[in-house]
């Protein structure tokens, strides 16, 4: 099943630069991936390089840009962006889903806020005993 979701991405350093894109929700991916042409239109700053491993085992070096606010289903968070080739498919990785507390309903194949926290994301932390 291929789940896609419309998202809004905004450059936090220049909020006038915003784009709406159709992104594949990919729980095997880790972070937000945007095509280079979207990264360029958002005028994002390159922060670093990262080694990426694709599902077919191929390894490549890609640029990481930031920072964007990602809005999905009324929830928003700030994230770095891994840039892929121009015209490629945008991806929403599991870190975005975790931070925004969004879940995929297996029966319907839809993305929705976690039913245990419908009003705002819940963040789980471990408290250490001192």
Protein backbone atom coordinates (compact mmCIF):
# COMPACT_ATOMS: atom_id res chain seq x y z
CA UNK A 1 0.00 0.00 0.00
CA UNK A 2 1.31 3.43 -0.93
CA UNK A 3 0.24 6.12 1.51
CA UNK A 4 0.68 9.72 0.39
CA UNK A 5 0.00 12.84 2.40
CA UNK A 6 -0.14 16.52 1.48
CA UNK A 7 2.26 18.51 3.67
CA UNK A 8 3.35 22.12 4.01
CA UNK A 9 7.04 22.92 4.44
CA UNK A 10 8.23 26.40 5.43
CA UNK A 11 11.72 27.85 5.74
CA UNK A 12 11.95 28.91 9.42
CA UNK A 13 14.52 31.59 8.56
CA UNK A 14 12.20 33.09 5.92
CA UNK A 15 8.55 32.14 6.60
CA UNK A 16 7.46 33.76 3.32
CA UNK A 17 9.05 30.74 1.58
CA UNK A 18 6.60 27.87 1.84
CA UNK A 19 5.55 24.97 -0.38
CA UNK A 20 2.89 22.31 -0.31
CA UNK A 21 4.02 18.91 -1.58
CA UNK A 22 2.61 15.42 -1.87
CA UNK A 23 4.84 13.11 0.15
CA UNK A 24 5.00 9.35 0.56
CA UNK A 25 4.78 8.21 4.17
CA UNK A 26 7.66 5.74 4.47
CA UNK A 27 8.17 4.20 7.90
CA UNK A 28 11.40 2.60 6.64
CA UNK A 29 12.81 6.09 6.02
CA UNK A 30 14.16 8.08 8.95
CA UNK A 31 13.90 11.76 8.13
CA UNK A 32 12.21 14.20 5.79
CA UNK A 33 13.35 13.92 2.17
CA UNK A 34 12.59 16.65 -0.37
CA UNK A 35 13.60 16.99 -4.02
CA UNK A 36 16.45 19.45 -4.66
CA UNK A 37 14.18 21.77 -6.65
CA UNK A 38 11.89 22.21 -3.61
CA UNK A 39 14.94 22.75 -1.37
CA UNK A 40 16.16 25.43 -3.79
CA UNK A 41 12.78 27.21 -3.95
CA UNK A 42 12.68 27.26 -0.15
CA UNK A 43 16.22 28.72 -0.17
CA UNK A 44 17.32 26.33 2.59
CA UNK A 45 20.78 26.44 4.13
CA UNK A 46 23.07 23.46 3.64
CA UNK A 47 24.28 22.19 7.01
CA UNK A 48 26.23 19.03 6.29
CA UNK A 49 26.58 15.86 4.26
CA UNK A 50 25.15 12.47 5.26
CA UNK A 51 25.69 8.95 4.03
CA UNK A 52 22.42 7.36 2.97
CA UNK A 53 21.61 3.73 2.32
CA UNK A 54 18.80 2.93 -0.11
CA UNK A 55 16.48 -0.09 0.04
CA UNK A 56 18.45 -1.72 -2.80
CA UNK A 57 21.65 -1.51 -0.72
CA UNK A 58 23.17 1.36 -2.72
CA UNK A 59 25.07 3.93 -0.62
CA UNK A 60 25.45 7.62 -1.51
CA UNK A 61 26.39 10.95 0.04
CA UNK A 62 23.59 13.52 0.18
CA UNK A 63 23.28 17.08 1.45
CA UNK A 64 21.29 17.94 4.57
CA UNK A 65 19.55 21.33 4.69
CA UNK A 66 17.40 23.13 7.19
CA UNK A 67 15.51 24.09 8.95
CA UNK A 68 11.88 23.73 7.91
CA UNK A 69 8.60 23.66 9.74
CA UNK A 70 6.56 20.70 8.56
CA UNK A 71 2.78 20.90 8.95
CA UNK A 72 0.75 17.71 8.67
CA UNK A 73 -2.87 17.29 9.75
CA UNK A 74 -2.79 20.38 11.95
CA UNK A 75 0.45 19.41 13.70
CA UNK A 76 3.79 21.11 13.16
CA UNK A 77 7.45 20.55 14.01
CA UNK A 78 10.91 21.65 12.93
CA UNK A 79 13.13 19.31 10.96
CA UNK A 80 16.27 19.05 8.84
CA UNK A 81 15.82 17.97 5.23
CA UNK A 82 17.74 15.40 3.22
CA UNK A 83 17.89 16.58 -0.41
CA UNK A 84 17.32 14.11 -3.23
CA UNK A 85 17.54 14.67 -6.98
CA UNK A 86 15.29 17.22 -8.67
CA UNK A 87 11.81 15.92 -9.34
CA UNK A 88 12.14 12.98 -6.94
CA UNK A 89 9.40 11.93 -4.53
CA UNK A 90 9.17 13.67 -1.15
CA UNK A 91 9.25 11.26 1.81
CA UNK A 92 8.05 11.51 5.39
CA UNK A 93 10.20 9.28 7.60
CA UNK A 94 9.41 7.81 10.99
CA UNK A 95 11.17 10.60 12.95
CA UNK A 96 8.58 13.07 11.65
CA UNK A 97 5.73 10.71 12.50
CA UNK A 98 7.13 10.16 16.00
CA UNK A 99 7.68 13.84 16.78
CA UNK A 100 4.25 14.86 15.47
CA UNK A 101 2.66 11.79 17.14
CA UNK A 102 0.99 10.60 13.95
CA UNK A 103 0.04 6.99 13.25
CA UNK A 104 -0.94 4.95 10.23
CA UNK A 105 -4.21 3.07 10.65
CA UNK A 106 -3.55 -0.36 9.10
CA UNK A 107 -7.22 -1.08 8.32
CA UNK A 108 -7.83 2.15 6.41
CA UNK A 109 -4.29 3.00 5.26
CA UNK A 110 -4.70 6.58 6.44
CA UNK A 111 -2.50 8.86 8.48
CA UNK A 112 -4.05 10.42 11.60
CA UNK A 113 -3.17 11.90 14.98
CA UNK A 114 -2.51 9.27 17.62
CA UNK A 115 -5.94 8.46 19.14
CA UNK A 116 -4.30 8.46 22.59
CA UNK A 117 -3.32 12.11 22.08
CA UNK A 118 -5.84 13.61 19.65
CA UNK A 119 -5.38 17.27 20.67
CA UNK A 120 -1.60 17.62 20.64
CA UNK A 121 1.47 15.43 20.25
CA UNK A 122 2.61 13.49 23.29
CA UNK A 123 6.36 13.18 23.72
CA UNK A 124 7.67 10.17 25.61
CA UNK A 125 10.78 10.61 27.73
CA UNK A 126 12.59 8.47 30.21
CA UNK A 127 13.20 10.02 33.58
CA UNK A 128 16.44 9.00 35.17
CA UNK A 129 16.69 8.50 38.92
CA UNK A 130 19.27 10.71 40.55
